[in-house]
Amino acid sequence: MVFRPVCLRPHRRPPTNQTASHPSQQIHSIQHLSGRTLSSKAFVWRNVELGEHCFIMENNVVQPFVKVGSNVIMWSGNHIGHHSTIGENVFLSSHVVVSGFCKIGRNTFLGVNTTLANNVTVGDDNWTGPGVTLMNDTEPAALYPAKSEEPSKVSALRFFKVRVGT
């Protein structure tokens, strides 16, 4: 995984004479930065390293010294804590909270409202359902069903169309 530092600042539109009467009528601008897409409503600190082809939606907060791998999608409302690392091909659903010093492995899906405590390492090929709170490190290919702290006996690889590795 190659990290290329990028200076990101939230894009602000110049003021116009037109005002939207309702928040749903406001148009959010999107920045396209060298294969990375960043919503104007996302806040990414300047000292964050983003991989290629990242997509960061609105209301995401990415704190300093975070490293994000290639092909990462962060849906809306996530919080990524300082000094965390997100591997390649990771999908973060809405309202995921990643505390500081966490590491998320490659090919991982974190469901809605998933929470990671400080210093937690999520293994490669993991899948979490909605509302899962992870307090301890996980094994590779673990599946955590909704609101569970214990992994399922079923491998998470069962839910991926393409098997990783041989």
N, C-alpha and C. Protein backbone atom coordinates (compact mmCIF):
# COMPACT_ATOMS: atom_id res chain seq x y z
N MET A 1 0.85 -1.15 0.00
CA MET A 1 0.00 0.00 0.00
C MET A 1 0.91 1.23 0.00
N VAL A 2 0.70 2.12 -0.94
CA VAL A 2 1.51 3.33 -1.05
C VAL A 2 0.67 4.51 -0.58
N PHE A 3 1.18 5.24 0.39
CA PHE A 3 0.48 6.41 0.88
C PHE A 3 1.10 7.65 0.27
N ARG A 4 0.28 8.52 -0.25
CA ARG A 4 0.76 9.79 -0.77
C ARG A 4 0.08 10.89 0.00
N PRO A 5 0.85 11.68 0.75
CA PRO A 5 0.24 12.75 1.53
C PRO A 5 -0.47 13.76 0.64
N VAL A 6 -1.64 14.16 1.04
CA VAL A 6 -2.43 15.14 0.30
C VAL A 6 -2.91 16.19 1.29
N CYS A 7 -2.78 17.43 0.93
CA CYS A 7 -3.29 18.51 1.77
C CYS A 7 -4.76 18.71 1.43
N LEU A 8 -5.63 18.39 2.36
CA LEU A 8 -7.07 18.52 2.12
C LEU A 8 -7.66 19.57 3.03
N ARG A 9 -8.47 20.39 2.45
CA ARG A 9 -9.21 21.37 3.23
C ARG A 9 -10.66 21.32 2.77
N PRO A 10 -11.60 21.49 3.65
CA PRO A 10 -12.98 21.52 3.20
C PRO A 10 -13.18 22.62 2.17
N HIS A 11 -13.80 22.28 1.06
CA HIS A 11 -14.03 23.24 -0.01
C HIS A 11 -15.21 24.13 0.36
N ARG A 12 -15.04 25.38 0.23
CA ARG A 12 -16.12 26.33 0.51
C ARG A 12 -16.48 27.06 -0.78
N ARG A 13 -17.76 27.10 -1.09
CA ARG A 13 -18.22 27.83 -2.26
C ARG A 13 -18.20 29.33 -1.96
N PRO A 14 -17.92 30.14 -2.97
CA PRO A 14 -18.02 31.57 -2.75
C PRO A 14 -19.47 31.95 -2.52
N PRO A 15 -19.72 32.99 -1.72
CA PRO A 15 -21.11 33.38 -1.45
C PRO A 15 -21.82 33.81 -2.73
N THR A 16 -23.08 33.46 -2.81
CA THR A 16 -23.89 33.86 -3.96
C THR A 16 -25.07 34.67 -3.46
N ASN A 17 -25.76 35.29 -4.40
CA ASN A 17 -26.94 36.08 -4.04
C ASN A 17 -28.16 35.20 -3.81
N GLN A 18 -28.09 33.95 -4.24
CA GLN A 18 -29.22 33.05 -4.08
C GLN A 18 -29.13 32.34 -2.74
N THR A 19 -30.23 32.23 -2.05
CA THR A 19 -30.27 31.49 -0.79
C THR A 19 -31.32 30.41 -0.90
N ALA A 20 -30.99 29.25 -0.38
CA ALA A 20 -31.94 28.13 -0.39
C ALA A 20 -32.91 28.32 0.76
N SER A 21 -34.19 28.08 0.48
CA SER A 21 -35.20 28.26 1.51
C SER A 21 -35.26 27.06 2.46
N HIS A 22 -34.72 25.93 2.05
CA HIS A 22 -34.77 24.72 2.85
C HIS A 22 -33.42 24.01 2.72
N PRO A 23 -32.91 23.39 3.82
CA PRO A 23 -31.61 22.72 3.74
C PRO A 23 -31.52 21.66 2.65
N SER A 24 -32.65 21.00 2.33
CA SER A 24 -32.61 19.96 1.29
C SER A 24 -32.38 20.55 -0.09
N GLN A 25 -32.55 21.87 -0.24
CA GLN A 25 -32.33 22.51 -1.53
C GLN A 25 -30.90 23.00 -1.69
N GLN A 26 -30.09 22.90 -0.64
CA GLN A 26 -28.70 23.32 -0.74
C GLN A 26 -27.91 22.27 -1.50
N ILE A 27 -27.01 22.74 -2.34
CA ILE A 27 -26.20 21.84 -3.15
C ILE A 27 -24.83 21.74 -2.51
N HIS A 28 -24.36 20.51 -2.30
CA HIS A 28 -23.04 20.28 -1.73
C HIS A 28 -22.06 20.06 -2.86
N SER A 29 -20.93 20.71 -2.79
CA SER A 29 -19.93 20.52 -3.83
C SER A 29 -19.05 19.33 -3.47
N ILE A 30 -18.50 18.73 -4.49
CA ILE A 30 -17.63 17.57 -4.34
C ILE A 30 -16.27 17.93 -4.91
N GLN A 31 -15.20 17.61 -4.18
CA GLN A 31 -13.85 17.82 -4.68
C GLN A 31 -13.33 16.51 -5.25
N HIS A 32 -12.69 16.59 -6.39
CA HIS A 32 -12.02 15.43 -6.98
C HIS A 32 -10.54 15.72 -6.94
N LEU A 33 -9.80 14.99 -6.12
CA LEU A 33 -8.39 15.24 -5.90
C LEU A 33 -7.57 14.01 -6.28
N SER A 34 -7.01 14.02 -7.47
CA SER A 34 -6.13 12.93 -7.91
C SER A 34 -6.74 11.55 -7.64
N GLY A 35 -7.94 11.31 -8.11
CA GLY A 35 -8.58 10.02 -7.93
C GLY A 35 -9.28 9.86 -6.60
N ARG A 36 -9.34 10.92 -5.81
CA ARG A 36 -10.01 10.88 -4.51
C ARG A 36 -11.22 11.80 -4.58
N THR A 37 -12.33 11.39 -3.99
CA THR A 37 -13.53 12.22 -3.99
C THR A 37 -13.86 12.56 -2.56
N LEU A 38 -14.01 13.86 -2.29
CA LEU A 38 -14.23 14.36 -0.94
C LEU A 38 -15.39 15.34 -0.94
N SER A 39 -16.41 15.08 -0.13
CA SER A 39 -17.54 15.99 -0.01
C SER A 39 -17.12 17.29 0.68
N SER A 40 -17.74 18.38 0.30
CA SER A 40 -17.45 19.66 0.95
C SER A 40 -17.93 19.67 2.40
N LYS A 41 -18.79 18.74 2.76
CA LYS A 41 -19.31 18.65 4.13
C LYS A 41 -18.48 17.71 5.00
N ALA A 42 -17.40 17.14 4.46
CA ALA A 42 -16.51 16.28 5.24
C ALA A 42 -15.36 17.13 5.76
N PHE A 43 -14.84 16.76 6.93
CA PHE A 43 -13.68 17.47 7.48
C PHE A 43 -12.53 16.48 7.61
N VAL A 44 -11.50 16.72 6.83
CA VAL A 44 -10.31 15.87 6.84
C VAL A 44 -9.13 16.76 7.18
N TRP A 45 -8.39 16.40 8.23
CA TRP A 45 -7.24 17.20 8.65
C TRP A 45 -6.17 17.18 7.57
N ARG A 46 -5.32 18.20 7.57
CA ARG A 46 -4.29 18.33 6.55
C ARG A 46 -3.26 17.21 6.59
N ASN A 47 -2.95 16.68 7.75
CA ASN A 47 -1.90 15.66 7.85
C ASN A 47 -2.48 14.24 7.83
N VAL A 48 -3.46 14.01 6.96
CA VAL A 48 -4.05 12.70 6.75
C VAL A 48 -3.53 12.18 5.41
N GLU A 49 -3.18 10.91 5.35
CA GLU A 49 -2.70 10.30 4.12
C GLU A 49 -3.81 9.46 3.51
N LEU A 50 -4.19 9.81 2.27
CA LEU A 50 -5.26 9.10 1.56
C LEU A 50 -4.68 8.31 0.40
N GLY A 51 -5.11 7.06 0.26
CA GLY A 51 -4.71 6.25 -0.89
C GLY A 51 -5.51 6.64 -2.12
N GLU A 52 -5.28 5.94 -3.20
CA GLU A 52 -5.98 6.21 -4.46
C GLU A 52 -7.44 5.77 -4.38
N HIS A 53 -8.29 6.44 -5.12
CA HIS A 53 -9.69 6.08 -5.31
C HIS A 53 -10.49 5.99 -4.01
N CYS A 54 -10.29 6.95 -3.12
CA CYS A 54 -11.07 7.03 -1.88
C CYS A 54 -12.30 7.89 -2.12
N PHE A 55 -13.38 7.56 -1.44
CA PHE A 55 -14.64 8.29 -1.58
C PHE A 55 -15.13 8.62 -0.18
N ILE A 56 -15.14 9.90 0.18
CA ILE A 56 -15.51 10.33 1.53
C ILE A 56 -16.75 11.21 1.44
N MET A 57 -17.86 10.72 1.98
CA MET A 57 -19.14 11.44 1.91
C MET A 57 -19.22 12.51 2.99
N GLU A 58 -20.38 13.16 3.07
CA GLU A 58 -20.60 14.28 3.99
C GLU A 58 -20.59 13.85 5.45
N ASN A 59 -20.28 14.82 6.31
CA ASN A 59 -20.30 14.68 7.77
C ASN A 59 -19.32 13.65 8.31
N ASN A 60 -18.26 13.36 7.57
CA ASN A 60 -17.18 12.52 8.08
C ASN A 60 -16.14 13.41 8.73
N VAL A 61 -15.57 12.95 9.83
CA VAL A 61 -14.45 13.64 10.47
C VAL A 61 -13.29 12.67 10.51
N VAL A 62 -12.18 13.07 9.91
CA VAL A 62 -10.98 12.25 9.91
C VAL A 62 -9.90 13.05 10.64
N GLN A 63 -9.52 12.57 11.81
CA GLN A 63 -8.58 13.30 12.67
C GLN A 63 -7.14 13.16 12.18
N PRO A 64 -6.21 13.90 12.81
CA PRO A 64 -4.83 13.92 12.33
C PRO A 64 -4.12 12.57 12.40
N PHE A 65 -3.15 12.43 11.49
CA PHE A 65 -2.24 11.28 11.44
C PHE A 65 -2.93 9.97 11.11
N VAL A 66 -4.06 10.05 10.41
CA VAL A 66 -4.77 8.84 9.96
C VAL A 66 -4.23 8.46 8.59
N LYS A 67 -4.08 7.17 8.34
CA LYS A 67 -3.66 6.66 7.04
C LYS A 67 -4.82 5.85 6.47
N VAL A 68 -5.25 6.21 5.27
CA VAL A 68 -6.36 5.55 4.61
C VAL A 68 -5.84 4.89 3.34
N GLY A 69 -6.10 3.60 3.17
CA GLY A 69 -5.64 2.86 2.01
C GLY A 69 -6.44 3.18 0.76
N SER A 70 -6.10 2.52 -0.32
CA SER A 70 -6.78 2.71 -1.60
C SER A 70 -8.15 2.04 -1.60
N ASN A 71 -9.05 2.58 -2.42
CA ASN A 71 -10.40 2.03 -2.62
C ASN A 71 -11.20 1.96 -1.33
N VAL A 72 -11.15 3.00 -0.54
CA VAL A 72 -11.90 3.06 0.72
C VAL A 72 -13.12 3.96 0.52
N ILE A 73 -14.26 3.50 1.01
CA ILE A 73 -15.49 4.29 0.96
C ILE A 73 -15.93 4.56 2.38
N MET A 74 -16.11 5.84 2.70
CA MET A 74 -16.64 6.24 4.00
C MET A 74 -17.99 6.90 3.75
N TRP A 75 -19.05 6.19 4.13
CA TRP A 75 -20.38 6.75 3.97
C TRP A 75 -20.54 7.89 4.96
N SER A 76 -21.69 8.44 5.14
CA SER A 76 -21.86 9.68 5.91
C SER A 76 -21.82 9.48 7.42
N GLY A 77 -21.33 10.51 8.11
CA GLY A 77 -21.41 10.59 9.56
C GLY A 77 -20.41 9.76 10.33
N ASN A 78 -19.29 9.41 9.77
CA ASN A 78 -18.29 8.60 10.47
C ASN A 78 -17.29 9.48 11.21
N HIS A 79 -16.67 8.92 12.23
CA HIS A 79 -15.60 9.60 12.96
C HIS A 79 -14.41 8.66 13.02
N ILE A 80 -13.29 9.11 12.46
CA ILE A 80 -12.07 8.30 12.45
C ILE A 80 -11.07 8.97 13.38
N GLY A 81 -10.69 8.29 14.46
CA GLY A 81 -9.81 8.84 15.48
C GLY A 81 -8.36 8.94 15.04
N HIS A 82 -7.63 9.76 15.74
CA HIS A 82 -6.23 10.06 15.44
C HIS A 82 -5.35 8.81 15.44
N HIS A 83 -4.32 8.83 14.60
CA HIS A 83 -3.32 7.77 14.49
C HIS A 83 -3.91 6.40 14.13
N SER A 84 -5.04 6.38 13.45
CA SER A 84 -5.63 5.11 13.02
C SER A 84 -5.20 4.80 11.59
N THR A 85 -5.28 3.52 11.22
CA THR A 85 -4.92 3.08 9.88
C THR A 85 -6.07 2.27 9.31
N ILE A 86 -6.49 2.60 8.10
CA ILE A 86 -7.55 1.87 7.41
C ILE A 86 -6.94 1.23 6.18
N GLY A 87 -7.07 -0.08 6.05
CA GLY A 87 -6.47 -0.82 4.95
C GLY A 87 -7.19 -0.59 3.63
N GLU A 88 -6.76 -1.31 2.61
CA GLU A 88 -7.35 -1.19 1.27
C GLU A 88 -8.69 -1.90 1.18
N ASN A 89 -9.55 -1.40 0.29
CA ASN A 89 -10.85 -2.02 -0.02
C ASN A 89 -11.74 -2.13 1.22
N VAL A 90 -11.83 -1.06 1.99
CA VAL A 90 -12.65 -1.04 3.20
C VAL A 90 -13.89 -0.19 2.95
N PHE A 91 -15.04 -0.65 3.45
CA PHE A 91 -16.29 0.10 3.36
C PHE A 91 -16.77 0.40 4.77
N LEU A 92 -16.91 1.70 5.09
CA LEU A 92 -17.44 2.11 6.39
C LEU A 92 -18.86 2.63 6.17
N SER A 93 -19.85 1.94 6.73
CA SER A 93 -21.24 2.39 6.62
C SER A 93 -21.43 3.66 7.44
N SER A 94 -22.63 4.16 7.50
CA SER A 94 -22.92 5.40 8.23
C SER A 94 -22.69 5.27 9.72
N HIS A 95 -22.21 6.34 10.33
CA HIS A 95 -22.08 6.51 11.78
C HIS A 95 -21.16 5.49 12.45
N VAL A 96 -20.10 5.13 11.77
CA VAL A 96 -19.08 4.26 12.35
C VAL A 96 -18.14 5.14 13.16
N VAL A 97 -17.79 4.71 14.37
CA VAL A 97 -16.86 5.44 15.22
C VAL A 97 -15.61 4.59 15.42
N VAL A 98 -14.49 5.13 14.98
CA VAL A 98 -13.20 4.46 15.14
C VAL A 98 -12.39 5.31 16.11
N SER A 99 -12.09 4.77 17.28
CA SER A 99 -11.33 5.51 18.28
C SER A 99 -9.86 5.60 17.85
N GLY A 100 -9.05 6.26 18.66
CA GLY A 100 -7.65 6.47 18.31
C GLY A 100 -6.81 5.21 18.30
N PHE A 101 -5.77 5.22 17.48
CA PHE A 101 -4.78 4.16 17.38
C PHE A 101 -5.37 2.81 16.95
N CYS A 102 -6.43 2.82 16.17
CA CYS A 102 -7.03 1.58 15.68
C CYS A 102 -6.44 1.22 14.31
N LYS A 103 -6.54 -0.06 13.99
CA LYS A 103 -6.10 -0.53 12.68
C LYS A 103 -7.20 -1.41 12.10
N ILE A 104 -7.63 -1.06 10.88
CA ILE A 104 -8.68 -1.83 10.20
C ILE A 104 -8.03 -2.54 9.02
N GLY A 105 -8.16 -3.86 8.97
CA GLY A 105 -7.53 -4.66 7.93
C GLY A 105 -8.17 -4.50 6.57
N ARG A 106 -7.53 -5.09 5.58
CA ARG A 106 -8.00 -5.03 4.19
C ARG A 106 -9.32 -5.77 4.02
N ASN A 107 -10.09 -5.35 2.99
CA ASN A 107 -11.32 -6.03 2.57
C ASN A 107 -12.31 -6.20 3.72
N THR A 108 -12.51 -5.14 4.48
CA THR A 108 -13.37 -5.20 5.66
C THR A 108 -14.60 -4.33 5.46
N PHE A 109 -15.74 -4.81 5.96
CA PHE A 109 -16.99 -4.06 5.93
C PHE A 109 -17.41 -3.80 7.37
N LEU A 110 -17.60 -2.51 7.73
CA LEU A 110 -18.09 -2.15 9.06
C LEU A 110 -19.50 -1.61 8.91
N GLY A 111 -20.47 -2.29 9.55
CA GLY A 111 -21.88 -1.94 9.43
C GLY A 111 -22.24 -0.66 10.16
N VAL A 112 -23.46 -0.23 9.97
CA VAL A 112 -23.99 1.00 10.57
C VAL A 112 -23.82 0.98 12.09
N ASN A 113 -23.35 2.09 12.64
CA ASN A 113 -23.19 2.27 14.08
C ASN A 113 -22.18 1.32 14.73
N THR A 114 -21.23 0.82 13.96
CA THR A 114 -20.16 0.01 14.54
C THR A 114 -19.22 0.93 15.30
N THR A 115 -18.76 0.48 16.46
CA THR A 115 -17.84 1.27 17.29
C THR A 115 -16.61 0.45 17.62
N LEU A 116 -15.43 1.06 17.44
CA LEU A 116 -14.17 0.42 17.80
C LEU A 116 -13.57 1.17 18.97
N ALA A 117 -13.20 0.45 20.03
CA ALA A 117 -12.55 1.07 21.19
C ALA A 117 -11.10 1.43 20.82
N ASN A 118 -10.41 2.15 21.70
CA ASN A 118 -9.01 2.53 21.46
C ASN A 118 -8.14 1.29 21.26
N ASN A 119 -7.15 1.42 20.38
CA ASN A 119 -6.13 0.39 20.14
C ASN A 119 -6.67 -0.96 19.68
N VAL A 120 -7.79 -0.99 19.00
CA VAL A 120 -8.35 -2.25 18.50
C VAL A 120 -7.85 -2.49 17.08
N THR A 121 -7.46 -3.72 16.80
CA THR A 121 -7.05 -4.12 15.46
C THR A 121 -8.11 -5.04 14.89
N VAL A 122 -8.69 -4.64 13.76
CA VAL A 122 -9.68 -5.46 13.07
C VAL A 122 -8.93 -6.21 11.97
N GLY A 123 -9.02 -7.53 11.98
CA GLY A 123 -8.29 -8.34 11.01
C GLY A 123 -8.79 -8.15 9.59
N ASP A 124 -8.03 -8.70 8.64
CA ASP A 124 -8.43 -8.66 7.23
C ASP A 124 -9.72 -9.45 7.02
N ASP A 125 -10.49 -9.05 6.01
CA ASP A 125 -11.70 -9.77 5.58
C ASP A 125 -12.75 -9.91 6.67
N ASN A 126 -12.89 -8.89 7.52
CA ASN A 126 -13.91 -8.92 8.58
C ASN A 126 -15.20 -8.29 8.10
N TRP A 127 -16.29 -8.66 8.75
CA TRP A 127 -17.61 -8.12 8.43
C TRP A 127 -18.35 -7.92 9.74
N THR A 128 -18.85 -6.68 9.98
CA THR A 128 -19.64 -6.43 11.19
C THR A 128 -21.04 -5.99 10.80
N GLY A 129 -22.01 -6.44 11.55
CA GLY A 129 -23.38 -6.03 11.35
C GLY A 129 -23.64 -4.70 12.04
N PRO A 130 -24.88 -4.24 12.04
CA PRO A 130 -25.21 -2.95 12.65
C PRO A 130 -25.11 -2.99 14.17
N GLY A 131 -24.58 -1.91 14.74
CA GLY A 131 -24.56 -1.74 16.18
C GLY A 131 -23.50 -2.55 16.92
N VAL A 132 -22.52 -3.09 16.23
CA VAL A 132 -21.49 -3.91 16.88
C VAL A 132 -20.48 -3.01 17.58
N THR A 133 -20.08 -3.38 18.79
CA THR A 133 -19.03 -2.68 19.53
C THR A 133 -17.87 -3.65 19.72
N LEU A 134 -16.71 -3.28 19.17
CA LEU A 134 -15.53 -4.13 19.27
C LEU A 134 -14.59 -3.56 20.32
N MET A 135 -14.39 -4.31 21.39
CA MET A 135 -13.51 -3.89 22.48
C MET A 135 -12.14 -4.55 22.41
N ASN A 136 -12.04 -5.66 21.65
CA ASN A 136 -10.80 -6.44 21.55
C ASN A 136 -10.44 -6.65 20.08
N ASP A 137 -9.20 -7.05 19.83
CA ASP A 137 -8.75 -7.34 18.48
C ASP A 137 -9.55 -8.50 17.90
N THR A 138 -9.66 -8.53 16.56
CA THR A 138 -10.40 -9.60 15.89
C THR A 138 -9.46 -10.46 15.07
N GLU A 139 -9.89 -11.67 14.79
CA GLU A 139 -9.15 -12.59 13.93
C GLU A 139 -9.52 -12.29 12.47
N PRO A 140 -8.67 -12.70 11.53
CA PRO A 140 -9.03 -12.53 10.11
C PRO A 140 -10.30 -13.31 9.76
N ALA A 141 -11.07 -12.79 8.83
CA ALA A 141 -12.29 -13.41 8.30
C ALA A 141 -13.35 -13.64 9.37
N ALA A 142 -13.41 -12.78 10.38
CA ALA A 142 -14.42 -12.91 11.43
C ALA A 142 -15.72 -12.20 11.02
N LEU A 143 -16.82 -12.77 11.45
CA LEU A 143 -18.14 -12.21 11.18
C LEU A 143 -18.80 -11.88 12.51
N TYR A 144 -19.18 -10.62 12.69
CA TYR A 144 -19.86 -10.19 13.91
C TYR A 144 -21.27 -9.77 13.55
N PRO A 145 -22.27 -10.58 13.89
CA PRO A 145 -23.65 -10.22 13.57
C PRO A 145 -24.11 -9.00 14.38
N ALA A 146 -25.29 -8.53 14.10
CA ALA A 146 -25.83 -7.32 14.71
C ALA A 146 -25.75 -7.35 16.23
N LYS A 147 -25.25 -6.25 16.80
CA LYS A 147 -25.16 -6.02 18.25
C LYS A 147 -24.52 -7.18 18.99
N SER A 148 -23.44 -7.70 18.43
CA SER A 148 -22.75 -8.82 19.03
C SER A 148 -21.32 -8.44 19.37
N GLU A 149 -20.80 -9.01 20.44
CA GLU A 149 -19.40 -8.81 20.78
C GLU A 149 -18.59 -10.07 20.54
N GLU A 150 -19.25 -11.14 20.20
CA GLU A 150 -18.59 -12.42 19.92
C GLU A 150 -18.70 -12.73 18.42
N PRO A 151 -17.64 -13.25 17.83
CA PRO A 151 -17.71 -13.58 16.40
C PRO A 151 -18.62 -14.77 16.14
N SER A 152 -19.19 -14.79 14.95
CA SER A 152 -20.03 -15.90 14.52
C SER A 152 -19.16 -17.09 14.17
N LYS A 153 -19.74 -18.27 14.16
CA LYS A 153 -19.00 -19.46 13.77
C LYS A 153 -18.87 -19.55 12.25
N VAL A 154 -19.63 -18.72 11.54
CA VAL A 154 -19.57 -18.68 10.08
C VAL A 154 -18.48 -17.70 9.67
N SER A 155 -17.67 -18.07 8.69
CA SER A 155 -16.60 -17.20 8.21
C SER A 155 -17.18 -16.02 7.42
N ALA A 156 -16.57 -14.86 7.56
CA ALA A 156 -17.00 -13.68 6.81
C ALA A 156 -16.73 -13.84 5.32
N LEU A 157 -15.80 -14.71 4.94
CA LEU A 157 -15.49 -14.92 3.53
C LEU A 157 -16.69 -15.47 2.76
N ARG A 158 -17.64 -16.02 3.47
CA ARG A 158 -18.84 -16.54 2.83
C ARG A 158 -19.64 -15.43 2.15
N PHE A 159 -19.48 -14.17 2.62
CA PHE A 159 -20.24 -13.05 2.10
C PHE A 159 -19.52 -12.28 1.01
N PHE A 160 -18.27 -12.62 0.73
CA PHE A 160 -17.53 -11.97 -0.34
C PHE A 160 -17.66 -12.78 -1.61
N LYS A 161 -17.85 -12.10 -2.74
CA LYS A 161 -18.00 -12.80 -4.00
C LYS A 161 -16.68 -13.41 -4.48
N VAL A 162 -15.60 -12.68 -4.26
CA VAL A 162 -14.30 -13.15 -4.71
C VAL A 162 -13.46 -13.48 -3.49
N ARG A 163 -12.87 -14.64 -3.48
CA ARG A 163 -12.01 -15.03 -2.37
C ARG A 163 -10.67 -14.33 -2.52
N VAL A 164 -10.15 -13.83 -1.42
CA VAL A 164 -8.87 -13.13 -1.43
C VAL A 164 -7.78 -14.13 -1.14
N GLY A 165 -6.72 -14.10 -1.94
CA GLY A 165 -5.60 -15.02 -1.74
C GLY A 165 -5.93 -16.42 -2.22
N THR A 166 -4.96 -17.29 -2.09
CA THR A 166 -5.19 -18.69 -2.49
C THR A 166 -4.72 -19.63 -1.42
